[in-house]
Amino acid sequence: MNHRSLAGTAALLSALLLGAASPLSAQRQTPAPGSARAVAQRTLAALAARDPEAFAREVSPQDLATFRAQLLPGVEKAMGGAQRAQAAAMFAPARSYAEIEKLPAERLFALYLGAVMKRVGSAGPLQVSNTILGDVAEGDSLVHTVYRQRVRSGSSTANNVSILTLRRTPGGWKVVLEAAQLGMGGPQGNAQR
């Protein structure tokens, strides 16, 4: 084997190894700020840290408005009935339905999500970690991020693979709320994609 063929073989092997490694290294690279992947990472980090305000900042304004419209009738009913104390505690510092109704959609969602997270956390200490497995683009304005969530409570561990959907909005990539995941029910969660 001459020197030229050895150099050619080394260059070919190097190109093959770099080509095979690039999908893995691409997954480890820091995503571009403002990209769907960066928004998904921030959202999943907020979820793992049980930070409802950070999560709410990443949600699509359209979905926040839909959430607000679906939530307020139930809150009004609760504030006028036997569940007033629980509803008032959920949306404190607002003390009346009129005050709750004036809350911006993002703040209303953050208070609701915070109360849900607190209720889940009251079952015992939880450790949550989320690992992004990949992204599937649906056109240029919708991305589905597939992630594995690991939840530890004491000696119990549960793994779940889920999807976080992001939509391109005038304000950048934002998370699409799934109504069923929030216990709101109804068809709106899937119809707005």
Protein backbone atom coordinates (compact mmCIF):
# COMPACT_ATOMS: atom_id res chain seq x y z
CA MET A 1 0.00 0.00 0.00
CA ASN A 2 1.54 3.29 -1.04
CA HIS A 3 1.49 6.55 0.85
CA ARG A 4 -1.20 8.09 -1.41
CA SER A 5 -3.70 5.22 -0.95
CA LEU A 6 -3.07 5.18 2.82
CA ALA A 7 -3.85 8.91 3.03
CA GLY A 8 -6.97 8.39 0.88
CA THR A 9 -8.16 5.52 3.08
CA ALA A 10 -7.55 7.58 6.23
CA ALA A 11 -9.51 10.52 4.75
CA LEU A 12 -12.39 8.20 3.77
CA LEU A 13 -12.50 6.60 7.23
CA SER A 14 -12.36 10.02 8.85
CA ALA A 15 -15.26 11.27 6.70
CA LEU A 16 -17.30 8.15 7.48
CA LEU A 17 -16.66 8.42 11.22
CA LEU A 18 -17.49 12.13 11.27
CA GLY A 19 -20.62 11.50 9.23
CA ALA A 20 -21.74 8.74 11.59
CA ALA A 21 -21.07 10.89 14.63
CA SER A 22 -22.80 14.02 13.40
CA PRO A 23 -26.40 13.02 14.30
CA LEU A 24 -25.29 12.31 17.87
CA SER A 25 -23.23 15.46 18.14
CA ALA A 26 -26.11 17.47 16.66
CA GLN A 27 -28.36 16.25 19.48
CA ARG A 28 -25.78 17.36 22.06
CA GLN A 29 -25.27 20.84 20.60
CA THR A 30 -26.91 23.79 22.27
CA PRO A 31 -29.95 24.71 20.19
CA ALA A 32 -30.14 28.12 18.56
CA PRO A 33 -31.84 30.67 20.83
CA GLY A 34 -35.47 31.04 19.84
CA SER A 35 -35.57 27.70 18.03
CA ALA A 36 -38.34 25.19 18.69
CA ARG A 37 -35.80 22.94 20.44
CA ALA A 38 -34.65 25.78 22.75
CA VAL A 39 -38.26 26.58 23.68
CA ALA A 40 -38.96 22.88 24.30
CA GLN A 41 -35.89 22.63 26.55
CA ARG A 42 -36.93 25.69 28.58
CA THR A 43 -40.50 24.42 28.89
CA LEU A 44 -39.46 20.95 30.03
CA ALA A 45 -36.94 22.45 32.48
CA ALA A 46 -39.73 24.62 33.94
CA LEU A 47 -41.95 21.56 34.23
CA ALA A 48 -39.23 19.56 36.00
CA ALA A 49 -38.52 22.47 38.36
CA ARG A 50 -42.26 22.94 38.97
CA ASP A 51 -42.00 26.58 37.87
CA PRO A 52 -45.46 27.52 36.56
CA GLU A 53 -44.50 31.11 35.67
CA ALA A 54 -41.60 29.97 33.45
CA PHE A 55 -43.83 27.34 31.83
CA ALA A 56 -46.61 29.89 31.20
CA ARG A 57 -44.17 32.28 29.44
CA GLU A 58 -43.57 29.60 26.79
CA VAL A 59 -47.25 28.92 26.00
CA SER A 60 -48.96 30.15 22.84
CA PRO A 61 -51.02 33.30 23.53
CA GLN A 62 -53.84 31.80 21.44
CA ASP A 63 -53.91 28.71 23.65
CA LEU A 64 -53.73 30.82 26.81
CA ALA A 65 -56.79 32.78 25.64
CA THR A 66 -58.66 29.53 24.91
CA PHE A 67 -57.67 28.15 28.32
CA ARG A 68 -58.88 31.34 30.02
CA ALA A 69 -62.23 31.23 28.19
CA GLN A 70 -62.75 27.60 29.23
CA LEU A 71 -61.66 28.10 32.84
CA LEU A 72 -63.48 31.28 33.85
CA PRO A 73 -67.08 29.91 33.83
CA GLY A 74 -66.05 27.15 36.25
CA VAL A 75 -64.19 29.62 38.45
CA GLU A 76 -67.23 31.93 38.52
CA LYS A 77 -69.44 29.03 39.58
CA ALA A 78 -66.94 27.90 42.25
CA MET A 79 -66.56 31.43 43.64
CA GLY A 80 -70.34 31.65 44.04
CA GLY A 81 -70.73 28.29 45.74
CA ALA A 82 -69.38 25.88 48.30
CA GLN A 83 -65.91 25.73 46.66
CA ARG A 84 -65.26 29.45 47.12
CA ALA A 85 -62.43 28.94 49.62
CA GLN A 86 -60.55 26.51 47.35
CA ALA A 87 -61.01 28.70 44.27
CA ALA A 88 -59.94 31.83 46.14
CA ALA A 89 -56.83 30.04 47.45
CA MET A 90 -55.97 28.86 43.93
CA PHE A 91 -56.05 32.37 42.48
CA ALA A 92 -54.72 34.38 45.44
CA PRO A 93 -54.02 37.24 45.85
CA ALA A 94 -57.23 37.86 43.88
CA ARG A 95 -60.09 37.73 46.36
CA SER A 96 -63.19 37.90 44.16
CA TYR A 97 -64.33 36.62 40.80
CA ALA A 98 -64.12 40.18 39.43
CA GLU A 99 -60.43 40.32 40.40
CA ILE A 100 -59.75 36.86 38.96
CA GLU A 101 -61.48 37.81 35.71
CA LYS A 102 -59.12 40.80 35.33
CA LEU A 103 -56.00 38.62 35.50
CA PRO A 104 -54.11 38.32 32.20
CA ALA A 105 -54.39 34.87 30.60
CA GLU A 106 -50.72 34.01 31.24
CA ARG A 107 -51.01 34.88 34.94
CA LEU A 108 -54.30 32.99 35.31
CA PHE A 109 -52.73 29.92 33.72
CA ALA A 110 -49.62 30.17 35.92
CA LEU A 111 -51.76 30.35 39.08
CA TYR A 112 -53.87 27.38 37.95
CA LEU A 113 -50.82 25.32 36.99
CA GLY A 114 -49.07 26.25 40.24
CA ALA A 115 -52.06 24.97 42.23
CA VAL A 116 -52.07 21.72 40.23
CA MET A 117 -48.33 21.29 40.77
CA LYS A 118 -48.73 21.95 44.49
CA ARG A 119 -51.51 19.34 44.72
CA VAL A 120 -49.36 16.76 42.90
CA GLY A 121 -46.37 17.64 45.09
CA SER A 122 -48.39 17.17 48.27
CA ALA A 123 -48.38 13.42 47.64
CA GLY A 124 -44.69 13.40 48.56
CA PRO A 125 -41.33 14.60 47.26
CA LEU A 126 -41.01 14.13 43.50
CA GLN A 127 -37.95 14.29 41.30
CA VAL A 128 -38.75 14.91 37.66
CA SER A 129 -36.32 14.79 34.76
CA ASN A 130 -37.11 15.20 31.08
CA THR A 131 -34.91 14.04 28.21
CA ILE A 132 -35.65 15.13 24.66
CA LEU A 133 -35.51 12.17 22.29
CA GLY A 134 -36.15 14.00 19.03
CA ASP A 135 -38.28 16.40 17.03
CA VAL A 136 -40.73 15.85 14.20
CA ALA A 137 -41.56 18.87 12.06
CA GLU A 138 -45.00 19.10 10.54
CA GLY A 139 -44.56 21.77 7.90
CA ASP A 140 -42.67 24.90 8.86
CA SER A 141 -44.95 26.08 11.66
CA LEU A 142 -45.50 23.01 13.86
CA VAL A 143 -42.93 20.86 15.67
CA HIS A 144 -43.61 17.86 17.89
CA THR A 145 -40.86 17.25 20.46
CA VAL A 146 -40.74 13.69 21.78
CA TYR A 147 -39.38 13.42 25.31
CA ARG A 148 -38.98 10.86 28.08
CA GLN A 149 -40.12 11.93 31.52
CA ARG A 150 -38.77 10.12 34.56
CA VAL A 151 -40.59 10.70 37.84
CA ARG A 152 -39.13 9.44 41.10
CA SER A 153 -41.01 9.36 44.36
CA GLY A 154 -39.13 7.59 47.12
CA SER A 155 -38.08 4.22 45.75
CA SER A 156 -40.66 4.26 42.95
CA THR A 157 -39.77 5.36 39.44
CA ALA A 158 -42.08 5.86 36.49
CA ASN A 159 -41.05 6.53 32.89
CA ASN A 160 -43.31 7.99 30.28
CA VAL A 161 -42.71 9.05 26.69
CA SER A 162 -44.71 12.13 25.76
CA ILE A 163 -45.00 14.75 23.05
CA LEU A 164 -44.72 18.51 23.46
CA THR A 165 -46.14 20.37 20.46
CA LEU A 166 -44.84 23.81 19.50
CA ARG A 167 -46.37 26.28 17.06
CA ARG A 168 -44.61 29.15 15.30
CA THR A 169 -46.32 32.41 16.30
CA PRO A 170 -45.52 36.07 15.54
CA GLY A 171 -43.70 36.05 18.91
CA GLY A 172 -41.62 32.98 18.03
CA TRP A 173 -42.07 29.30 18.89
CA LYS A 174 -44.67 28.69 21.60
CA VAL A 175 -46.04 25.58 23.33
CA VAL A 176 -49.47 24.28 22.33
CA LEU A 177 -51.64 23.45 25.34
CA GLU A 178 -53.31 20.08 25.32
CA ALA A 179 -56.69 20.49 27.01
CA ALA A 180 -56.89 16.86 28.11
CA GLN A 181 -53.49 17.09 29.86
CA LEU A 182 -54.73 20.02 31.91
CA GLY A 183 -57.94 18.31 32.92
CA MET A 184 -59.99 20.83 30.97
CA GLY A 185 -61.49 18.30 28.53
CA GLY A 186 -63.17 19.33 25.33
CA PRO A 187 -62.11 19.20 21.71
CA GLN A 188 -60.26 22.51 21.56
CA GLY A 189 -56.89 21.02 22.52
CA ASN A 190 -56.51 19.15 19.27
CA ALA A 191 -58.69 21.25 16.99
CA GLN A 192 -56.40 24.27 17.00
CA ARG A 193 -53.38 22.62 15.48
